């Protein structure tokens, strides 16, 4: 099963999403990551825009974020699409197109 962690951008310290509805979302992300051969997924939070959780798949940090309400409101039905979009951003980055992203 894949490892899913949350970290603060400022110092890399881990934090937990404590919302009761987040458990199903996290399970879905772990399942998606395992199916797609990612050993770990990290969500980074910047204090200046804490609602955006920037995605890291494996060792690659992406120019893609997931809104915190995905976790706090338990929006598990959106997780697969969100993670597929993140994987698309990862592929764009690997192909060198990330330089065109803002």
PDB file of N, CA and C in Angstrom:
ATOM      1  N   UNK A   1       0.852  -1.171   0.000  1.00  0.00           N
ATOM      2  CA  UNK A   1       0.000   0.000   0.000  1.00  0.00           C
ATOM      3  C   UNK A   1       0.897   1.233   0.000  1.00  0.00           C
ATOM      4  N   UNK A   2       0.505   2.221  -0.762  1.00  0.00           N
ATOM      5  CA  UNK A   2       1.270   3.456  -0.906  1.00  0.00           C
ATOM      6  C   UNK A   2       1.176   4.307   0.361  1.00  0.00           C
ATOM      7  N   UNK A   3       2.206   5.092   0.582  1.00  0.00           N
ATOM      8  CA  UNK A   3       2.283   6.002   1.718  1.00  0.00           C
ATOM      9  C   UNK A   3       1.767   7.374   1.283  1.00  0.00           C
ATOM     10  N   UNK A   4       0.819   7.931   2.019  1.00  0.00           N
ATOM     11  CA  UNK A   4       0.287   9.265   1.744  1.00  0.00           C
ATOM     12  C   UNK A   4       0.599  10.140   2.940  1.00  0.00           C
ATOM     13  N   UNK A   5       1.313  11.254   2.691  1.00  0.00           N
ATOM     14  CA  UNK A   5       1.678  12.155   3.775  1.00  0.00           C
ATOM     15  C   UNK A   5       1.319  13.591   3.412  1.00  0.00           C
ATOM     16  N   UNK A   6       1.250  14.418   4.447  1.00  0.00           N
ATOM     17  CA  UNK A   6       0.974  15.845   4.314  1.00  0.00           C
ATOM     18  C   UNK A   6       2.125  16.582   4.975  1.00  0.00           C
ATOM     19  N   UNK A   7       2.648  17.613   4.283  1.00  0.00           N
ATOM     20  CA  UNK A   7       3.784  18.369   4.812  1.00  0.00           C
ATOM     21  C   UNK A   7       3.558  19.866   4.637  1.00  0.00           C
ATOM     22  N   UNK A   8       4.177  20.621   5.543  1.00  0.00           N
ATOM     23  CA  UNK A   8       4.157  22.075   5.452  1.00  0.00           C
ATOM     24  C   UNK A   8       5.295  22.540   4.557  1.00  0.00           C
ATOM     25  N   UNK A   9       4.981  23.426   3.644  1.00  0.00           N
ATOM     26  CA  UNK A   9       5.965  23.948   2.699  1.00  0.00           C
ATOM     27  C   UNK A   9       7.115  24.663   3.411  1.00  0.00           C
ATOM     28  N   UNK A  10       6.821  25.376   4.467  1.00  0.00           N
ATOM     29  CA  UNK A  10       7.814  26.217   5.127  1.00  0.00           C
ATOM     30  C   UNK A  10       8.997  25.439   5.692  1.00  0.00           C
ATOM     31  N   UNK A  11       8.733  24.301   6.302  1.00  0.00           N
ATOM     32  CA  UNK A  11       9.823  23.566   6.946  1.00  0.00           C
ATOM     33  C   UNK A  11       9.805  22.058   6.685  1.00  0.00           C
ATOM     34  N   UNK A  12       8.858  21.597   5.896  1.00  0.00           N
ATOM     35  CA  UNK A  12       8.788  20.170   5.590  1.00  0.00           C
ATOM     36  C   UNK A  12       8.202  19.310   6.691  1.00  0.00           C
ATOM     37  N   UNK A  13       7.744  19.951   7.762  1.00  0.00           N
ATOM     38  CA  UNK A  13       7.200  19.174   8.883  1.00  0.00           C
ATOM     39  C   UNK A  13       5.861  18.546   8.489  1.00  0.00           C
ATOM     40  N   UNK A  14       5.635  17.333   8.955  1.00  0.00           N
ATOM     41  CA  UNK A  14       4.380  16.656   8.619  1.00  0.00           C
ATOM     42  C   UNK A  14       3.207  17.200   9.430  1.00  0.00           C
ATOM     43  N   UNK A  15       2.022  17.069   8.888  1.00  0.00           N
ATOM     44  CA  UNK A  15       0.792  17.371   9.618  1.00  0.00           C
ATOM     45  C   UNK A  15      -0.254  16.345   9.214  1.00  0.00           C
ATOM     46  N   UNK A  16      -1.307  16.275   9.995  1.00  0.00           N
ATOM     47  CA  UNK A  16      -2.372  15.300   9.750  1.00  0.00           C
ATOM     48  C   UNK A  16      -3.647  16.007   9.317  1.00  0.00           C
ATOM     49  N   UNK A  17      -4.369  15.372   8.438  1.00  0.00           N
ATOM     50  CA  UNK A  17      -5.731  15.805   8.127  1.00  0.00           C
ATOM     51  C   UNK A  17      -6.613  15.039   9.108  1.00  0.00           C
ATOM     52  N   UNK A  18      -7.259  15.751   9.994  1.00  0.00           N
ATOM     53  CA  UNK A  18      -7.988  15.092  11.077  1.00  0.00           C
ATOM     54  C   UNK A  18      -9.486  14.981  10.828  1.00  0.00           C
ATOM     55  N   UNK A  19      -9.958  15.488   9.715  1.00  0.00           N
ATOM     56  CA  UNK A  19     -11.395  15.414   9.425  1.00  0.00           C
ATOM     57  C   UNK A  19     -11.833  13.957   9.356  1.00  0.00           C
ATOM     58  N   UNK A  20     -12.946  13.664   9.963  1.00  0.00           N
ATOM     59  CA  UNK A  20     -13.428  12.281  10.005  1.00  0.00           C
ATOM     60  C   UNK A  20     -13.719  11.725   8.620  1.00  0.00           C
ATOM     61  N   UNK A  21     -14.121  12.585   7.698  1.00  0.00           N
ATOM     62  CA  UNK A  21     -14.453  12.132   6.347  1.00  0.00           C
ATOM     63  C   UNK A  21     -13.221  11.857   5.478  1.00  0.00           C
ATOM     64  N   UNK A  22     -12.047  12.247   5.937  1.00  0.00           N
ATOM     65  CA  UNK A  22     -10.827  12.113   5.136  1.00  0.00           C
ATOM     66  C   UNK A  22     -10.373  10.661   4.983  1.00  0.00           C
ATOM     67  N   UNK A  23     -10.762   9.789   5.882  1.00  0.00           N
ATOM     68  CA  UNK A  23     -10.275   8.406   5.851  1.00  0.00           C
ATOM     69  C   UNK A  23     -10.588   7.710   4.525  1.00  0.00           C
ATOM     70  N   UNK A  24     -11.788   7.855   4.041  1.00  0.00           N
ATOM     71  CA  UNK A  24     -12.164   7.208   2.766  1.00  0.00           C
ATOM     72  C   UNK A  24     -11.373   7.797   1.606  1.00  0.00           C
ATOM     73  N   UNK A  25     -11.182   9.107   1.616  1.00  0.00           N
ATOM     74  CA  UNK A  25     -10.400   9.772   0.572  1.00  0.00           C
ATOM     75  C   UNK A  25      -8.969   9.245   0.580  1.00  0.00           C
ATOM     76  N   UNK A  26      -8.388   9.152   1.763  1.00  0.00           N
ATOM     77  CA  UNK A  26      -7.014   8.645   1.875  1.00  0.00           C
ATOM     78  C   UNK A  26      -6.909   7.202   1.398  1.00  0.00           C
ATOM     79  N   UNK A  27      -7.881   6.382   1.728  1.00  0.00           N
ATOM     80  CA  UNK A  27      -7.891   4.997   1.246  1.00  0.00           C
ATOM     81  C   UNK A  27      -7.952   4.952  -0.275  1.00  0.00           C
ATOM     82  N   UNK A  28      -8.774   5.814  -0.872  1.00  0.00           N
ATOM     83  CA  UNK A  28      -8.886   5.865  -2.331  1.00  0.00           C
ATOM     84  C   UNK A  28      -7.578   6.336  -2.975  1.00  0.00           C
ATOM     85  N   UNK A  29      -6.911   7.301  -2.348  1.00  0.00           N
ATOM     86  CA  UNK A  29      -5.628   7.776  -2.880  1.00  0.00           C
ATOM     87  C   UNK A  29      -4.581   6.673  -2.791  1.00  0.00           C
ATOM     88  N   UNK A  30      -4.542   5.978  -1.673  1.00  0.00           N
ATOM     89  CA  UNK A  30      -3.581   4.864  -1.535  1.00  0.00           C
ATOM     90  C   UNK A  30      -3.831   3.795  -2.601  1.00  0.00           C
ATOM     91  N   UNK A  31      -5.077   3.465  -2.829  1.00  0.00           N
ATOM     92  CA  UNK A  31      -5.420   2.464  -3.844  1.00  0.00           C
ATOM     93  C   UNK A  31      -5.021   2.954  -5.232  1.00  0.00           C
ATOM     94  N   UNK A  32      -5.304   4.216  -5.536  1.00  0.00           N
ATOM     95  CA  UNK A  32      -4.930   4.794  -6.837  1.00  0.00           C
ATOM     96  C   UNK A  32      -3.415   4.758  -7.009  1.00  0.00           C
ATOM     97  N   UNK A  33      -2.691   5.183  -5.984  1.00  0.00           N
ATOM     98  CA  UNK A  33      -1.225   5.219  -6.057  1.00  0.00           C
ATOM     99  C   UNK A  33      -0.656   3.817  -6.270  1.00  0.00           C
ATOM    100  N   UNK A  34      -1.200   2.836  -5.595  1.00  0.00           N
ATOM    101  CA  UNK A  34      -0.738   1.459  -5.770  1.00  0.00           C
ATOM    102  C   UNK A  34      -1.001   0.968  -7.187  1.00  0.00           C
ATOM    103  N   UNK A  35      -2.193   1.238  -7.708  1.00  0.00           N
ATOM    104  CA  UNK A  35      -2.529   0.832  -9.076  1.00  0.00           C
ATOM    105  C   UNK A  35      -1.632   1.500 -10.117  1.00  0.00           C
ATOM    106  N   UNK A  36      -1.152   2.693  -9.792  1.00  0.00           N
ATOM    107  CA  UNK A  36      -0.357   3.467 -10.737  1.00  0.00           C
ATOM    108  C   UNK A  36       1.138   3.472 -10.404  1.00  0.00           C
ATOM    109  N   UNK A  37       1.544   2.570  -9.537  1.00  0.00           N
ATOM    110  CA  UNK A  37       2.961   2.333  -9.211  1.00  0.00           C
ATOM    111  C   UNK A  37       3.668   3.523  -8.568  1.00  0.00           C
ATOM    112  N   UNK A  38       2.975   4.240  -7.710  1.00  0.00           N
ATOM    113  CA  UNK A  38       3.603   5.293  -6.912  1.00  0.00           C
ATOM    114  C   UNK A  38       3.698   4.789  -5.484  1.00  0.00           C
ATOM    115  N   UNK A  39       4.922   4.743  -4.953  1.00  0.00           N
ATOM    116  CA  UNK A  39       5.121   4.260  -3.591  1.00  0.00           C
ATOM    117  C   UNK A  39       4.689   5.276  -2.550  1.00  0.00           C
ATOM    118  N   UNK A  40       4.808   6.554  -2.907  1.00  0.00           N
ATOM    119  CA  UNK A  40       4.349   7.573  -1.967  1.00  0.00           C
ATOM    120  C   UNK A  40       3.796   8.787  -2.702  1.00  0.00           C
ATOM    121  N   UNK A  41       2.856   9.418  -2.021  1.00  0.00           N
ATOM    122  CA  UNK A  41       2.211  10.643  -2.492  1.00  0.00           C
ATOM    123  C   UNK A  41       2.299  11.630  -1.332  1.00  0.00           C
ATOM    124  N   UNK A  42       2.744  12.852  -1.652  1.00  0.00           N
ATOM    125  CA  UNK A  42       2.852  13.887  -0.625  1.00  0.00           C
ATOM    126  C   UNK A  42       1.998  15.077  -1.049  1.00  0.00           C
ATOM    127  N   UNK A  43       1.283  15.639  -0.089  1.00  0.00           N
ATOM    128  CA  UNK A  43       0.517  16.860  -0.302  1.00  0.00           C
ATOM    129  C   UNK A  43       1.187  17.955   0.517  1.00  0.00           C
ATOM    130  N   UNK A  44       1.594  19.036  -0.162  1.00  0.00           N
ATOM    131  CA  UNK A  44       2.305  20.146   0.465  1.00  0.00           C
ATOM    132  C   UNK A  44       1.361  21.321   0.685  1.00  0.00           C
ATOM    133  N   UNK A  45       1.416  21.905   1.887  1.00  0.00           N
ATOM    134  CA  UNK A  45       0.576  23.051   2.236  1.00  0.00           C
ATOM    135  C   UNK A  45       1.449  24.284   2.439  1.00  0.00           C
ATOM    136  N   UNK A  46       1.100  25.350   1.733  1.00  0.00           N
ATOM    137  CA  UNK A  46       1.777  26.637   1.879  1.00  0.00           C
ATOM    138  C   UNK A  46       0.913  27.503   2.783  1.00  0.00           C
ATOM    139  N   UNK A  47       1.491  28.074   3.809  1.00  0.00           N
ATOM    140  CA  UNK A  47       0.734  28.856   4.790  1.00  0.00           C
ATOM    141  C   UNK A  47       0.001  30.034   4.149  1.00  0.00           C
ATOM    142  N   UNK A  48       0.532  30.570   3.052  1.00  0.00           N
ATOM    143  CA  UNK A  48      -0.097  31.722   2.405  1.00  0.00           C
ATOM    144  C   UNK A  48      -1.376  31.350   1.651  1.00  0.00           C
ATOM    145  N   UNK A  49      -1.515  30.091   1.297  1.00  0.00           N
ATOM    146  CA  UNK A  49      -2.707  29.623   0.574  1.00  0.00           C
ATOM    147  C   UNK A  49      -3.012  28.205   1.044  1.00  0.00           C
ATOM    148  N   UNK A  50      -3.417  28.099   2.286  1.00  0.00           N
ATOM    149  CA  UNK A  50      -3.550  26.801   2.959  1.00  0.00           C
ATOM    150  C   UNK A  50      -4.633  25.899   2.385  1.00  0.00           C
ATOM    151  N   UNK A  51      -5.538  26.434   1.567  1.00  0.00           N
ATOM    152  CA  UNK A  51      -6.594  25.601   0.994  1.00  0.00           C
ATOM    153  C   UNK A  51      -6.085  24.732  -0.151  1.00  0.00           C
ATOM    154  N   UNK A  52      -4.938  25.097  -0.709  1.00  0.00           N
ATOM    155  CA  UNK A  52      -4.356  24.334  -1.813  1.00  0.00           C
ATOM    156  C   UNK A  52      -3.318  23.361  -1.276  1.00  0.00           C
ATOM    157  N   UNK A  53      -3.489  22.106  -1.590  1.00  0.00           N
ATOM    158  CA  UNK A  53      -2.518  21.083  -1.217  1.00  0.00           C
ATOM    159  C   UNK A  53      -1.813  20.630  -2.495  1.00  0.00           C
ATOM    160  N   UNK A  54      -0.576  21.075  -2.654  1.00  0.00           N
ATOM    161  CA  UNK A  54       0.198  20.790  -3.868  1.00  0.00           C
ATOM    162  C   UNK A  54       0.649  19.343  -3.866  1.00  0.00           C
ATOM    163  N   UNK A  55       0.559  18.699  -5.004  1.00  0.00           N
ATOM    164  CA  UNK A  55       0.760  17.251  -5.119  1.00  0.00           C
ATOM    165  C   UNK A  55       2.196  16.910  -5.495  1.00  0.00           C
ATOM    166  N   UNK A  56       2.700  15.879  -4.859  1.00  0.00           N
ATOM    167  CA  UNK A  56       3.972  15.261  -5.224  1.00  0.00           C
ATOM    168  C   UNK A  56       3.697  13.776  -5.442  1.00  0.00           C
ATOM    169  N   UNK A  57       4.005  13.299  -6.640  1.00  0.00           N
ATOM    170  CA  UNK A  57       3.867  11.867  -6.945  1.00  0.00           C
ATOM    171  C   UNK A  57       5.265  11.267  -7.000  1.00  0.00           C
ATOM    172  N   UNK A  58       5.514  10.304  -6.142  1.00  0.00           N
ATOM    173  CA  UNK A  58       6.856   9.751  -6.066  1.00  0.00           C
ATOM    174  C   UNK A  58       7.809  10.842  -5.630  1.00  0.00           C
ATOM    175  N   UNK A  59       8.889  11.040  -6.384  1.00  0.00           N
ATOM    176  CA  UNK A  59       9.877  12.065  -6.049  1.00  0.00           C
ATOM    177  C   UNK A  59       9.636  13.386  -6.760  1.00  0.00           C
ATOM    178  N   UNK A  60       8.586  13.473  -7.545  1.00  0.00           N
ATOM    179  CA  UNK A  60       8.373  14.648  -8.375  1.00  0.00           C
ATOM    180  C   UNK A  60       7.242  15.533  -7.854  1.00  0.00           C
ATOM    181  N   UNK A  61       7.620  16.757  -7.468  1.00  0.00           N
ATOM    182  CA  UNK A  61       6.621  17.746  -7.061  1.00  0.00           C
ATOM    183  C   UNK A  61       6.028  18.373  -8.308  1.00  0.00           C
ATOM    184  N   UNK A  62       4.721  18.574  -8.277  1.00  0.00           N
ATOM    185  CA  UNK A  62       4.010  18.996  -9.472  1.00  0.00           C
ATOM    186  C   UNK A  62       3.435  20.400  -9.358  1.00  0.00           C
ATOM    187  N   UNK A  63       3.131  20.962 -10.494  1.00  0.00           N
ATOM    188  CA  UNK A  63       2.419  22.225 -10.566  1.00  0.00           C
ATOM    189  C   UNK A  63       0.923  21.899 -10.634  1.00  0.00           C
ATOM    190  N   UNK A  64       0.447  21.185  -9.629  1.00  0.00           N
ATOM    191  CA  UNK A  64      -0.950  20.759  -9.562  1.00  0.00           C
ATOM    192  C   UNK A  64      -1.337  20.657  -8.092  1.00  0.00           C
ATOM    193  N   UNK A  65      -2.527  21.117  -7.766  1.00  0.00           N
ATOM    194  CA  UNK A  65      -2.972  21.068  -6.386  1.00  0.00           C
ATOM    195  C   UNK A  65      -4.391  20.508  -6.283  1.00  0.00           C
ATOM    196  N   UNK A  66      -4.694  20.022  -5.089  1.00  0.00           N
ATOM    197  CA  UNK A  66      -6.018  19.514  -4.747  1.00  0.00           C
ATOM    198  C   UNK A  66      -6.534  20.383  -3.599  1.00  0.00           C
ATOM    199  N   UNK A  67      -7.782  20.791  -3.679  1.00  0.00           N
ATOM    200  CA  UNK A  67      -8.349  21.639  -2.631  1.00  0.00           C
ATOM    201  C   UNK A  67      -8.526  20.827  -1.348  1.00  0.00           C
ATOM    202  N   UNK A  68      -8.278  21.470  -0.221  1.00  0.00           N
ATOM    203  CA  UNK A  68      -8.375  20.778   1.067  1.00  0.00           C
ATOM    204  C   UNK A  68      -9.768  20.218   1.337  1.00  0.00           C
ATOM    205  N   UNK A  69     -10.820  20.810   0.737  1.00  0.00           N
ATOM    206  CA  UNK A  69     -12.170  20.303   0.968  1.00  0.00           C
ATOM    207  C   UNK A  69     -12.352  18.891   0.415  1.00  0.00           C
ATOM    208  N   UNK A  70     -11.510  18.504  -0.518  1.00  0.00           N
ATOM    209  CA  UNK A  70     -11.554  17.115  -0.999  1.00  0.00           C
ATOM    210  C   UNK A  70     -11.406  16.175   0.190  1.00  0.00           C
ATOM    211  N   UNK A  71     -10.558  16.552   1.139  1.00  0.00           N
ATOM    212  CA  UNK A  71     -10.328  15.730   2.330  1.00  0.00           C
ATOM    213  C   UNK A  71     -11.321  16.052   3.439  1.00  0.00           C
ATOM    214  N   UNK A  72     -11.498  17.327   3.741  1.00  0.00           N
ATOM    215  CA  UNK A  72     -12.339  17.697   4.887  1.00  0.00           C
ATOM    216  C   UNK A  72     -13.811  17.381   4.669  1.00  0.00           C
ATOM    217  N   UNK A  73     -14.250  17.409   3.410  1.00  0.00           N
ATOM    218  CA  UNK A  73     -15.646  17.079   3.122  1.00  0.00           C
ATOM    219  C   UNK A  73     -15.807  15.649   2.610  1.00  0.00           C
ATOM    220  N   UNK A  74     -14.707  14.909   2.562  1.00  0.00           N
ATOM    221  CA  UNK A  74     -14.774  13.510   2.161  1.00  0.00           C
ATOM    222  C   UNK A  74     -15.219  13.300   0.730  1.00  0.00           C
ATOM    223  N   UNK A  75     -14.753  14.110  -0.180  1.00  0.00           N
ATOM    224  CA  UNK A  75     -15.182  14.026  -1.576  1.00  0.00           C
ATOM    225  C   UNK A  75     -14.456  12.895  -2.309  1.00  0.00           C
ATOM    226  N   UNK A  76     -14.668  11.681  -1.844  1.00  0.00           N
ATOM    227  CA  UNK A  76     -13.964  10.524  -2.386  1.00  0.00           C
ATOM    228  C   UNK A  76     -14.312  10.240  -3.842  1.00  0.00           C
ATOM    229  N   UNK A  77     -15.502  10.651  -4.286  1.00  0.00           N
ATOM    230  CA  UNK A  77     -15.902  10.383  -5.665  1.00  0.00           C
ATOM    231  C   UNK A  77     -15.075  11.195  -6.665  1.00  0.00           C
ATOM    232  N   UNK A  78     -14.398  12.229  -6.201  1.00  0.00           N
ATOM    233  CA  UNK A  78     -13.558  13.055  -7.070  1.00  0.00           C
ATOM    234  C   UNK A  78     -12.090  12.634  -7.075  1.00  0.00           C
ATOM    235  N   UNK A  79     -11.700  11.783  -6.175  1.00  0.00           N
ATOM    236  CA  UNK A  79     -10.284  11.484  -5.970  1.00  0.00           C
ATOM    237  C   UNK A  79      -9.632  10.876  -7.195  1.00  0.00           C
ATOM    238  N   UNK A  80     -10.252   9.911  -7.796  1.00  0.00           N
ATOM    239  CA  UNK A  80      -9.616   9.261  -8.942  1.00  0.00           C
ATOM    240  C   UNK A  80      -9.364  10.259 -10.066  1.00  0.00           C
ATOM    241  N   UNK A  81     -10.332  11.099 -10.366  1.00  0.00           N
ATOM    242  CA  UNK A  81     -10.146  12.105 -11.411  1.00  0.00           C
ATOM    243  C   UNK A  81      -9.058  13.101 -11.021  1.00  0.00           C
ATOM    244  N   UNK A  82      -9.060  13.545  -9.765  1.00  0.00           N
ATOM    245  CA  UNK A  82      -8.037  14.485  -9.301  1.00  0.00           C
ATOM    246  C   UNK A  82      -6.638  13.886  -9.441  1.00  0.00           C
ATOM    247  N   UNK A  83      -6.493  12.645  -9.052  1.00  0.00           N
ATOM    248  CA  UNK A  83      -5.175  12.007  -9.116  1.00  0.00           C
ATOM    249  C   UNK A  83      -4.783  11.711 -10.562  1.00  0.00           C
ATOM    250  N   UNK A  84      -5.742  11.414 -11.410  1.00  0.00           N
ATOM    251  CA  UNK A  84      -5.435  11.236 -12.835  1.00  0.00           C
ATOM    252  C   UNK A  84      -4.949  12.548 -13.445  1.00  0.00           C
ATOM    253  N   UNK A  85      -5.560  13.668 -13.063  1.00  0.00           N
ATOM    254  CA  UNK A  85      -5.089  14.974 -13.524  1.00  0.00           C
ATOM    255  C   UNK A  85      -3.667  15.237 -13.022  1.00  0.00           C
ATOM    256  N   UNK A  86      -3.393  14.870 -11.774  1.00  0.00           N
ATOM    257  CA  UNK A  86      -2.041  15.040 -11.229  1.00  0.00           C
ATOM    258  C   UNK A  86      -1.040  14.205 -12.019  1.00  0.00           C
ATOM    259  N   UNK A  87      -1.421  12.984 -12.354  1.00  0.00           N
ATOM    260  CA  UNK A  87      -0.530  12.130 -13.154  1.00  0.00           C
ATOM    261  C   UNK A  87      -0.296  12.758 -14.528  1.00  0.00           C
ATOM    262  N   UNK A  88      -1.316  13.390 -15.106  1.00  0.00           N
ATOM    263  CA  UNK A  88      -1.155  14.104 -16.369  1.00  0.00           C
ATOM    264  C   UNK A  88      -0.160  15.244 -16.233  1.00  0.00           C
ATOM    265  N   UNK A  89      -0.229  15.982 -15.123  1.00  0.00           N
ATOM    266  CA  UNK A  89       0.738  17.063 -14.870  1.00  0.00           C
ATOM    267  C   UNK A  89       2.143  16.494 -14.723  1.00  0.00           C
ATOM    268  N   UNK A  90       2.240  15.331 -14.105  1.00  0.00           N
ATOM    269  CA  UNK A  90       3.544  14.687 -13.946  1.00  0.00           C
ATOM    270  C   UNK A  90       4.109  14.288 -15.302  1.00  0.00           C
ATOM    271  N   UNK A  91       3.287  13.780 -16.178  1.00  0.00           N
ATOM    272  CA  UNK A  91       3.735  13.392 -17.519  1.00  0.00           C
ATOM    273  C   UNK A  91       4.141  14.619 -18.331  1.00  0.00           C
ATOM    274  N   UNK A  92       3.385  15.718 -18.205  1.00  0.00           N
ATOM    275  CA  UNK A  92       3.754  16.956 -18.889  1.00  0.00           C
ATOM    276  C   UNK A  92       5.117  17.439 -18.411  1.00  0.00           C
ATOM    277  N   UNK A  93       5.317  17.367 -17.119  1.00  0.00           N
ATOM    278  CA  UNK A  93       6.579  17.807 -16.547  1.00  0.00           C
ATOM    279  C   UNK A  93       7.747  16.956 -17.060  1.00  0.00           C
ATOM    280  N   UNK A  94       7.553  15.660 -17.083  1.00  0.00           N
ATOM    281  CA  UNK A  94       8.615  14.754 -17.545  1.00  0.00           C
ATOM    282  C   UNK A  94       8.922  14.976 -19.021  1.00  0.00           C
ATOM    283  N   UNK A  95       7.929  15.399 -19.790  1.00  0.00           N
ATOM    284  CA  UNK A  95       8.139  15.648 -21.216  1.00  0.00           C
ATOM    285  C   UNK A  95       8.709  17.042 -21.485  1.00  0.00           C
ATOM    286  N   UNK A  96       8.862  17.851 -20.431  1.00  0.00           N
ATOM    287  CA  UNK A  96       9.436  19.172 -20.565  1.00  0.00           C
ATOM    288  C   UNK A  96       8.445  20.282 -20.810  1.00  0.00           C
ATOM    289  N   UNK A  97       7.154  19.966 -20.805  1.00  0.00           N
ATOM    290  CA  UNK A  97       6.142  20.982 -21.044  1.00  0.00           C
ATOM    291  C   UNK A  97       5.805  21.798 -19.796  1.00  0.00           C
ATOM    292  N   UNK A  98       6.311  21.418 -18.640  1.00  0.00           N
ATOM    293  CA  UNK A  98       6.008  22.150 -17.424  1.00  0.00           C
ATOM    294  C   UNK A  98       6.508  23.591 -17.474  1.00  0.00           C
ATOM    295  N   UNK A  99       7.497  23.874 -18.297  1.00  0.00           N
ATOM    296  CA  UNK A  99       8.017  25.240 -18.397  1.00  0.00           C
ATOM    297  C   UNK A  99       6.953  26.187 -18.969  1.00  0.00           C
ATOM    298  N   UNK A 100       5.912  25.655 -19.606  1.00  0.00           N
ATOM    299  CA  UNK A 100       4.836  26.477 -20.144  1.00  0.00           C
ATOM    300  C   UNK A 100       3.695  26.652 -19.149  1.00  0.00           C
ATOM    301  N   UNK A 101       3.728  25.893 -18.056  1.00  0.00           N
ATOM    302  CA  UNK A 101       2.693  25.990 -17.033  1.00  0.00           C
ATOM    303  C   UNK A 101       2.984  27.147 -16.110  1.00  0.00           C
ATOM    304  N   UNK A 102       1.934  27.750 -15.590  1.00  0.00           N
ATOM    305  CA  UNK A 102       2.127  28.829 -14.617  1.00  0.00           C
ATOM    306  C   UNK A 102       1.997  28.300 -13.241  1.00  0.00           C
TER     307      UNK A 102
END
